[in-house]
Amino acid sequence: MEDAVQPTHPPVGSLVKTACKGVMQLEEDTPHTVLRGQRIYFCLPECLVTFDQNPSTSCLAGDPLLESE
């Protein structure tokens, strides 16, 4: 699920907040998507797959970003 607006990535090695509200170090292959102009990072590729299949059952369930989906 990619929106038209593509915000830039922070530099590799930066700490980023994940969809599940954790924090991790950004790698070249960190799973991510863009939703409403915000880049969202996921801890695991499986979390991104779950989000792509059905955002309401992902770790973003209940997040205000999904309210108008």
N, C-alpha and C. Protein backbone atom coordinates (compact mmCIF):
# COMPACT_ATOMS: atom_id res chain seq x y z
N MET A 1 0.86 -1.16 0.00
CA MET A 1 0.00 0.00 0.00
C MET A 1 0.91 1.23 0.00
N GLU A 2 1.13 1.82 -1.14
CA GLU A 2 2.02 2.98 -1.27
C GLU A 2 1.21 4.19 -1.70
N ASP A 3 1.35 5.30 -1.01
CA ASP A 3 0.74 6.56 -1.41
C ASP A 3 1.66 7.25 -2.41
N ALA A 4 1.15 8.26 -3.11
CA ALA A 4 1.92 8.97 -4.12
C ALA A 4 3.09 9.75 -3.52
N VAL A 5 2.91 10.32 -2.33
CA VAL A 5 3.96 11.10 -1.69
C VAL A 5 5.00 10.15 -1.10
N GLN A 6 6.27 10.38 -1.44
CA GLN A 6 7.34 9.50 -0.96
C GLN A 6 8.32 10.30 -0.10
N PRO A 7 8.11 10.33 1.22
CA PRO A 7 9.07 11.04 2.06
C PRO A 7 10.42 10.35 2.03
N THR A 8 11.46 11.11 2.30
CA THR A 8 12.80 10.55 2.26
C THR A 8 13.05 9.67 3.49
N HIS A 9 13.98 8.73 3.32
CA HIS A 9 14.42 7.90 4.43
C HIS A 9 15.44 8.67 5.26
N PRO A 10 15.45 8.46 6.57
CA PRO A 10 16.59 8.95 7.34
C PRO A 10 17.82 8.13 6.94
N PRO A 11 19.01 8.55 7.31
CA PRO A 11 20.21 7.79 6.95
C PRO A 11 20.22 6.39 7.57
N VAL A 12 20.78 5.43 6.83
CA VAL A 12 20.96 4.08 7.36
C VAL A 12 21.73 4.19 8.67
N GLY A 13 21.30 3.44 9.67
CA GLY A 13 21.92 3.49 10.99
C GLY A 13 21.15 4.37 11.96
N SER A 14 20.24 5.20 11.44
CA SER A 14 19.41 6.04 12.31
C SER A 14 18.43 5.17 13.08
N LEU A 15 18.01 5.66 14.23
CA LEU A 15 16.95 5.00 14.97
C LEU A 15 15.61 5.48 14.44
N VAL A 16 14.72 4.54 14.16
CA VAL A 16 13.39 4.88 13.65
C VAL A 16 12.33 4.22 14.52
N LYS A 17 11.18 4.85 14.61
CA LYS A 17 10.04 4.30 15.33
C LYS A 17 9.32 3.33 14.40
N THR A 18 8.92 2.20 14.92
CA THR A 18 8.23 1.19 14.12
C THR A 18 6.71 1.29 14.31
N ALA A 19 5.98 0.61 13.46
CA ALA A 19 4.53 0.61 13.51
C ALA A 19 4.01 0.14 14.86
N CYS A 20 4.75 -0.77 15.49
CA CYS A 20 4.31 -1.30 16.79
C CYS A 20 4.80 -0.44 17.95
N LYS A 21 5.31 0.75 17.62
CA LYS A 21 5.78 1.74 18.60
C LYS A 21 7.12 1.38 19.22
N GLY A 22 7.83 0.44 18.61
CA GLY A 22 9.18 0.12 19.04
C GLY A 22 10.18 1.06 18.37
N VAL A 23 11.43 0.85 18.64
CA VAL A 23 12.51 1.63 18.02
C VAL A 23 13.54 0.63 17.51
N MET A 24 14.01 0.87 16.29
CA MET A 24 15.04 0.00 15.73
C MET A 24 15.99 0.80 14.87
N GLN A 25 17.14 0.22 14.61
CA GLN A 25 18.13 0.87 13.76
C GLN A 25 17.77 0.61 12.30
N LEU A 26 17.71 1.67 11.51
CA LEU A 26 17.35 1.57 10.11
C LEU A 26 18.45 0.88 9.31
N GLU A 27 18.06 -0.11 8.52
CA GLU A 27 18.96 -0.83 7.62
C GLU A 27 18.48 -0.57 6.20
N GLU A 28 19.31 -0.90 5.22
CA GLU A 28 18.92 -0.74 3.81
C GLU A 28 17.63 -1.49 3.50
N ASP A 29 17.44 -2.65 4.13
CA ASP A 29 16.30 -3.50 3.80
C ASP A 29 15.20 -3.50 4.86
N THR A 30 15.16 -2.47 5.70
CA THR A 30 14.10 -2.39 6.71
C THR A 30 12.75 -2.31 5.99
N PRO A 31 11.82 -3.22 6.32
CA PRO A 31 10.52 -3.19 5.64
C PRO A 31 9.77 -1.89 5.98
N HIS A 32 9.14 -1.31 4.97
CA HIS A 32 8.43 -0.05 5.18
C HIS A 32 7.36 0.14 4.11
N THR A 33 6.49 1.08 4.37
CA THR A 33 5.49 1.53 3.41
C THR A 33 5.28 3.01 3.66
N VAL A 34 4.51 3.65 2.79
CA VAL A 34 4.15 5.05 2.98
C VAL A 34 2.64 5.13 3.07
N LEU A 35 2.16 5.78 4.10
CA LEU A 35 0.73 5.94 4.31
C LEU A 35 0.46 7.39 4.64
N ARG A 36 -0.37 8.02 3.83
CA ARG A 36 -0.73 9.44 4.03
C ARG A 36 0.51 10.32 4.22
N GLY A 37 1.51 10.09 3.40
CA GLY A 37 2.70 10.92 3.41
C GLY A 37 3.68 10.63 4.52
N GLN A 38 3.42 9.60 5.30
CA GLN A 38 4.34 9.21 6.38
C GLN A 38 4.95 7.85 6.07
N ARG A 39 6.26 7.77 6.19
CA ARG A 39 6.94 6.49 6.01
C ARG A 39 6.78 5.70 7.30
N ILE A 40 6.31 4.47 7.18
CA ILE A 40 6.07 3.60 8.34
C ILE A 40 7.01 2.41 8.22
N TYR A 41 7.76 2.16 9.29
CA TYR A 41 8.72 1.06 9.33
C TYR A 41 8.14 -0.09 10.14
N PHE A 42 8.49 -1.31 9.72
CA PHE A 42 8.03 -2.53 10.39
C PHE A 42 9.23 -3.31 10.88
N CYS A 43 9.08 -3.96 12.02
CA CYS A 43 10.17 -4.75 12.62
C CYS A 43 10.55 -5.94 11.74
N LEU A 44 9.55 -6.56 11.15
CA LEU A 44 9.75 -7.79 10.38
C LEU A 44 9.03 -7.70 9.03
N PRO A 45 9.56 -8.36 8.02
CA PRO A 45 8.86 -8.38 6.72
C PRO A 45 7.44 -8.93 6.84
N GLU A 46 7.23 -9.89 7.73
CA GLU A 46 5.90 -10.48 7.92
C GLU A 46 4.89 -9.43 8.39
N CYS A 47 5.35 -8.47 9.18
CA CYS A 47 4.45 -7.41 9.67
C CYS A 47 3.99 -6.53 8.51
N LEU A 48 4.88 -6.26 7.57
CA LEU A 48 4.51 -5.48 6.39
C LEU A 48 3.53 -6.28 5.53
N VAL A 49 3.76 -7.57 5.37
CA VAL A 49 2.84 -8.41 4.59
C VAL A 49 1.45 -8.38 5.21
N THR A 50 1.38 -8.52 6.53
CA THR A 50 0.09 -8.47 7.23
C THR A 50 -0.58 -7.12 6.99
N PHE A 51 0.19 -6.04 7.09
CA PHE A 51 -0.36 -4.71 6.85
C PHE A 51 -0.89 -4.60 5.41
N ASP A 52 -0.11 -5.05 4.44
CA ASP A 52 -0.53 -4.98 3.04
C ASP A 52 -1.80 -5.79 2.78
N GLN A 53 -1.94 -6.93 3.46
CA GLN A 53 -3.11 -7.78 3.26
C GLN A 53 -4.36 -7.20 3.90
N ASN A 54 -4.20 -6.66 5.12
CA ASN A 54 -5.36 -6.11 5.83
C ASN A 54 -4.86 -5.21 6.96
N PRO A 55 -4.76 -3.90 6.70
CA PRO A 55 -4.23 -2.99 7.71
C PRO A 55 -4.95 -3.06 9.06
N SER A 56 -6.24 -3.37 9.05
CA SER A 56 -6.99 -3.39 10.32
C SER A 56 -6.61 -4.56 11.22
N THR A 57 -5.86 -5.54 10.70
CA THR A 57 -5.40 -6.65 11.55
C THR A 57 -3.90 -6.55 11.81
N SER A 58 -3.29 -5.47 11.37
CA SER A 58 -1.84 -5.31 11.54
C SER A 58 -1.53 -4.62 12.86
N CYS A 59 -0.25 -4.40 13.10
CA CYS A 59 0.16 -3.72 14.32
C CYS A 59 -0.24 -2.25 14.31
N LEU A 60 -0.77 -1.75 13.21
CA LEU A 60 -1.28 -0.38 13.16
C LEU A 60 -2.78 -0.31 13.47
N ALA A 61 -3.40 -1.45 13.76
CA ALA A 61 -4.83 -1.45 14.09
C ALA A 61 -5.08 -0.45 15.22
N GLY A 62 -6.06 0.40 15.03
CA GLY A 62 -6.39 1.40 16.02
C GLY A 62 -5.58 2.68 15.92
N ASP A 63 -4.60 2.72 15.03
CA ASP A 63 -3.79 3.91 14.85
C ASP A 63 -4.60 4.96 14.08
N PRO A 64 -4.52 6.23 14.47
CA PRO A 64 -5.27 7.28 13.78
C PRO A 64 -4.98 7.36 12.27
N LEU A 65 -3.81 6.91 11.83
CA LEU A 65 -3.51 6.91 10.39
C LEU A 65 -4.49 6.03 9.61
N LEU A 66 -5.05 5.03 10.26
CA LEU A 66 -5.97 4.11 9.56
C LEU A 66 -7.43 4.52 9.67
N GLU A 67 -7.73 5.51 10.49
CA GLU A 67 -9.13 5.85 10.77
C GLU A 67 -9.94 6.16 9.53
N SER A 68 -9.36 6.82 8.54
CA SER A 68 -10.14 7.16 7.35
C SER A 68 -9.91 6.20 6.20
N GLU A 69 -9.33 5.02 6.48
CA GLU A 69 -9.12 3.99 5.44
C GLU A 69 -10.46 3.43 5.03
